[in-house]
C-alpha cells in the first residue's frame, strides 16, 4: 500500500526500524490489539500481536509506524 506523508504529501519510503537493547540485542516493534488470537489461546483471552512497518518521509524526515492489521 502506498502511503503519503500527512505533512508534505510526498510518497513515504519503507525503512527498517529497530530499538537497541544491548550490544547484540534488538526488539521487534508490534502492537497488541483487542482482537482475539482465535483457537484455544483466543478463548483464554490472548490478544493478537501485529507487526509494525516503518515509513520515512524523504522531505521532512518524519517517521511513521503502521500496524499490519
Protein backbone atom coordinates (compact mmCIF):
# COMPACT_ATOMS: atom_id res chain seq x y z
CA UNK A 1 0.00 0.00 0.00
CA UNK A 2 1.41 3.38 -0.98
CA UNK A 3 1.38 5.96 1.81
CA UNK A 4 2.00 9.71 1.74
CA UNK A 5 3.36 11.99 4.45
CA UNK A 6 0.46 13.81 6.14
CA UNK A 7 2.57 17.00 6.32
CA UNK A 8 4.30 17.08 2.91
CA UNK A 9 2.02 14.85 0.78
CA UNK A 10 5.18 13.11 -0.51
CA UNK A 11 5.41 9.33 -1.00
CA UNK A 12 6.85 7.62 2.08
CA UNK A 13 9.79 5.23 1.82
CA UNK A 14 9.69 1.90 3.66
CA UNK A 15 12.61 1.72 6.11
CA UNK A 16 13.94 -0.65 8.75
CA UNK A 17 13.22 0.39 12.32
CA UNK A 18 14.98 -1.05 15.33
CA UNK A 19 15.34 -0.46 19.04
CA UNK A 20 18.68 -1.35 20.58
CA UNK A 21 18.53 -3.05 23.96
CA UNK A 22 22.06 -4.30 24.35
CA UNK A 23 25.16 -4.71 22.24
CA UNK A 24 23.79 -7.62 20.20
CA UNK A 25 20.07 -7.42 21.01
CA UNK A 26 17.21 -5.67 19.25
CA UNK A 27 13.46 -5.68 19.83
CA UNK A 28 10.88 -6.03 17.08
CA UNK A 29 8.09 -3.47 17.44
CA UNK A 30 4.49 -4.67 17.38
CA UNK A 31 1.07 -3.55 18.51
CA UNK A 32 -1.34 -5.51 20.63
CA UNK A 33 -4.99 -5.27 19.58
CA UNK A 34 -8.24 -6.24 21.22
CA UNK A 35 -8.80 -8.84 18.51
CA UNK A 36 -8.70 -12.41 19.72
CA UNK A 37 -5.92 -14.73 18.55
CA UNK A 38 -8.52 -17.37 17.80
CA UNK A 39 -8.44 -21.03 18.76
CA UNK A 40 -7.60 -22.10 22.29
CA UNK A 41 -5.46 -19.04 23.02
CA UNK A 42 -8.28 -16.75 21.94
CA UNK A 43 -10.71 -18.40 24.34
CA UNK A 44 -8.18 -17.77 27.12
CA UNK A 45 -8.23 -14.05 26.31
CA UNK A 46 -4.90 -13.83 24.49
CA UNK A 47 -4.81 -10.81 22.20
CA UNK A 48 -3.37 -10.81 18.70
CA UNK A 49 0.01 -9.13 18.11
CA UNK A 50 0.52 -7.33 14.80
CA UNK A 51 3.83 -6.47 13.15
CA UNK A 52 4.73 -2.82 12.64
CA UNK A 53 6.18 -1.32 9.43
CA UNK A 54 8.20 1.91 9.46
CA UNK A 55 7.96 4.56 6.75
CA UNK A 56 10.11 7.68 6.30
CA UNK A 57 9.31 10.97 4.58
CA UNK A 58 12.36 11.87 2.48
CA UNK A 59 11.50 15.60 2.67
CA UNK A 60 10.81 16.32 6.35
CA UNK A 61 12.32 13.21 7.96
CA UNK A 62 9.11 12.22 9.75
CA UNK A 63 8.96 8.51 10.65
CA UNK A 64 5.55 6.87 10.78
CA UNK A 65 4.79 3.39 12.12
CA UNK A 66 1.88 1.42 10.68
CA UNK A 67 0.48 -1.79 12.17
CA UNK A 68 -0.22 -4.71 9.85
CA UNK A 69 -3.91 -5.18 10.78
